[in-house]
Amino acid sequence: MSKLTLSVEDHVVSRAKIYAKLRGVSISEMVEAYLDAIAGTPPPDAFDAPILRSMRGSLKKAQLEDYKRRLTAKYR
């Protein structure tokens, strides 16, 4: 297990200690769970949904100026 040093505002630490105590966990356990949740491996097909597959490559020839003109006209 690695050791990690963090700089956190005092008021945040105080609130975190209360939160941890109410839930019966340590601050270290909370930080570890949070880091694991945000840095964990995404599900294998998270970015391979059928709708995303069908849209791949559809904007390769899109012109930014055309898009801006269209939005300008739409929201006048």
Protein backbone atom coordinates (compact mmCIF):
# COMPACT_ATOMS: atom_id res chain seq x y z
CA MET A 1 0.00 0.00 0.00
CA SER A 2 1.28 3.48 -0.89
CA LYS A 3 1.17 6.52 1.28
CA LEU A 4 -0.23 9.76 -0.16
CA THR A 5 0.07 13.29 1.22
CA LEU A 6 -2.68 15.76 0.32
CA SER A 7 -3.18 19.45 1.00
CA VAL A 8 -6.82 20.12 1.88
CA GLU A 9 -8.52 23.16 3.39
CA ASP A 10 -9.17 22.82 7.14
CA HIS A 11 -12.94 23.26 6.83
CA VAL A 12 -13.08 20.47 4.25
CA VAL A 13 -11.12 18.13 6.50
CA SER A 14 -13.43 18.90 9.42
CA ARG A 15 -16.54 18.13 7.39
CA ALA A 16 -14.94 14.99 5.95
CA LYS A 17 -14.11 13.72 9.44
CA ILE A 18 -17.73 14.16 10.53
CA TYR A 19 -18.98 12.45 7.38
CA ALA A 20 -16.56 9.54 7.83
CA LYS A 21 -17.39 9.11 11.51
CA LEU A 22 -21.13 8.99 10.81
CA ARG A 23 -20.54 6.26 8.25
CA GLY A 24 -17.99 4.30 10.25
CA VAL A 25 -15.14 4.64 7.76
CA SER A 26 -11.80 6.40 7.74
CA ILE A 27 -10.87 9.38 5.62
CA SER A 28 -8.32 7.14 3.89
CA GLU A 29 -11.04 4.64 2.97
CA MET A 30 -13.20 7.43 1.58
CA VAL A 31 -10.37 8.89 -0.51
CA GLU A 32 -9.40 5.43 -1.77
CA ALA A 33 -13.00 4.64 -2.75
CA TYR A 34 -13.34 7.99 -4.53
CA LEU A 35 -10.07 7.61 -6.44
CA ASP A 36 -10.97 4.06 -7.40
CA ALA A 37 -14.37 5.21 -8.65
CA ILE A 38 -13.00 7.98 -10.86
CA ALA A 39 -9.84 6.25 -12.03
CA GLY A 40 -11.17 2.72 -12.28
CA THR A 41 -11.38 0.90 -15.56
CA PRO A 42 -14.55 1.79 -17.47
CA PRO A 43 -16.77 -1.07 -18.55
CA PRO A 44 -15.37 -2.64 -21.74
CA ASP A 45 -18.26 -1.48 -23.91
CA ALA A 46 -18.84 1.93 -22.30
CA PHE A 47 -17.62 3.78 -25.40
CA ASP A 48 -18.85 1.25 -27.91
CA ALA A 49 -22.60 1.70 -27.65
CA PRO A 50 -24.47 1.01 -30.91
CA ILE A 51 -25.58 4.63 -31.22
CA LEU A 52 -21.97 5.81 -30.93
CA ARG A 53 -20.77 3.24 -33.47
CA SER A 54 -23.39 4.43 -35.94
CA MET A 55 -22.25 8.04 -35.59
CA ARG A 56 -18.50 7.46 -35.93
CA GLY A 57 -17.00 9.41 -38.78
CA SER A 58 -20.17 11.38 -39.49
CA LEU A 59 -18.51 14.73 -38.81
CA LYS A 60 -15.23 14.20 -40.66
CA LYS A 61 -16.23 16.58 -43.47
CA ALA A 62 -18.17 19.04 -41.30
CA GLN A 63 -17.29 22.70 -41.67
CA LEU A 64 -17.23 24.73 -38.47
CA GLU A 65 -18.38 27.91 -40.22
CA ASP A 66 -21.43 26.15 -41.68
CA TYR A 67 -22.34 24.95 -38.21
CA LYS A 68 -21.95 28.45 -36.74
CA ARG A 69 -24.16 29.94 -39.48
CA ARG A 70 -26.81 27.30 -38.89
CA LEU A 71 -26.87 27.94 -35.13
CA THR A 72 -26.98 31.70 -35.67
CA ALA A 73 -29.96 31.35 -38.00
CA LYS A 74 -31.71 28.88 -35.70
CA TYR A 75 -31.46 30.99 -32.55
CA ARG A 76 -32.23 34.45 -33.96
